[in-house]
Amino acid sequence: MLQLIAEQYAFRILAMEVMPDYIHLLLDCRPQFLISDMIKIMKGNLARRLFLDHPELKSSLWG
């Protein structure tokens, strides 16, 4: 999912490390994107896709 989001917004994932409760990413992007904007885009799109595909996550996280 992260790779699809990166391609959609013209980011490039240079390195990724997946841990049980977080992900480390090294990204390359166009200069007009602020780091905070990239984070918002990646987290927002990933969360939306996960909650649409797995609605049980939302109820278990926010009961």
Protein backbone atom coordinates (compact mmCIF):
# COMPACT_ATOMS: atom_id res chain seq x y z
CA MET A 1 0.00 0.00 0.00
CA LEU A 2 2.79 2.43 0.83
CA GLN A 3 4.43 1.84 -2.55
CA LEU A 4 1.15 2.62 -4.34
CA ILE A 5 0.73 5.84 -2.34
CA ALA A 6 4.32 6.83 -3.07
CA GLU A 7 3.85 6.29 -6.80
CA GLN A 8 0.59 8.25 -6.79
CA TYR A 9 2.26 11.32 -5.22
CA ALA A 10 5.63 10.94 -7.02
CA PHE A 11 7.55 9.99 -3.88
CA ARG A 12 10.24 7.36 -3.98
CA ILE A 13 10.73 4.95 -1.08
CA LEU A 14 14.49 4.54 -0.72
CA ALA A 15 14.42 2.34 2.38
CA MET A 16 11.75 0.82 4.62
CA GLU A 17 11.93 -1.03 7.94
CA VAL A 18 8.70 -2.50 9.28
CA MET A 19 8.39 -3.08 13.01
CA PRO A 20 5.38 -4.53 14.89
CA ASP A 21 4.00 -1.10 15.84
CA TYR A 22 5.69 1.41 13.51
CA ILE A 23 7.45 1.82 10.16
CA HIS A 24 10.67 3.65 9.33
CA LEU A 25 10.77 5.19 5.84
CA LEU A 26 13.47 7.02 3.92
CA LEU A 27 11.71 8.97 1.17
CA ASP A 28 12.74 11.08 -1.79
CA CYS A 29 10.26 13.63 -3.09
CA ARG A 30 9.88 16.78 -5.14
CA PRO A 31 11.08 19.98 -3.43
CA GLN A 32 7.61 21.55 -3.22
CA PHE A 33 6.51 18.94 -0.63
CA LEU A 34 7.20 19.74 2.99
CA ILE A 35 8.18 16.82 5.22
CA SER A 36 5.05 17.36 7.30
CA ASP A 37 2.93 17.24 4.13
CA MET A 38 4.51 13.93 3.06
CA ILE A 39 3.81 12.42 6.48
CA LYS A 40 0.18 13.60 6.42
CA ILE A 41 -0.32 12.20 2.91
CA MET A 42 1.25 8.82 3.71
CA LYS A 43 -0.45 8.33 7.10
CA GLY A 44 -3.83 9.64 6.00
CA ASN A 45 -4.05 7.56 2.84
CA LEU A 46 -2.73 4.42 4.54
CA ALA A 47 -5.18 4.74 7.44
CA ARG A 48 -8.13 5.36 5.10
CA ARG A 49 -7.28 2.31 2.96
CA LEU A 50 -6.73 0.08 6.00
CA PHE A 51 -10.02 1.11 7.63
CA LEU A 52 -11.94 0.58 4.37
CA ASP A 53 -10.40 -2.87 3.84
CA HIS A 54 -10.56 -3.87 7.53
CA PRO A 55 -13.39 -2.06 9.34
CA GLU A 56 -12.83 -4.23 12.43
CA LEU A 57 -9.59 -2.29 13.06
CA LYS A 58 -11.47 0.95 13.62
CA SER A 59 -13.83 -0.57 16.18
CA SER A 60 -11.02 -2.38 18.01
CA LEU A 61 -8.85 0.77 18.16
CA TRP A 62 -11.57 3.30 19.00
CA GLY A 63 -14.14 0.89 20.51
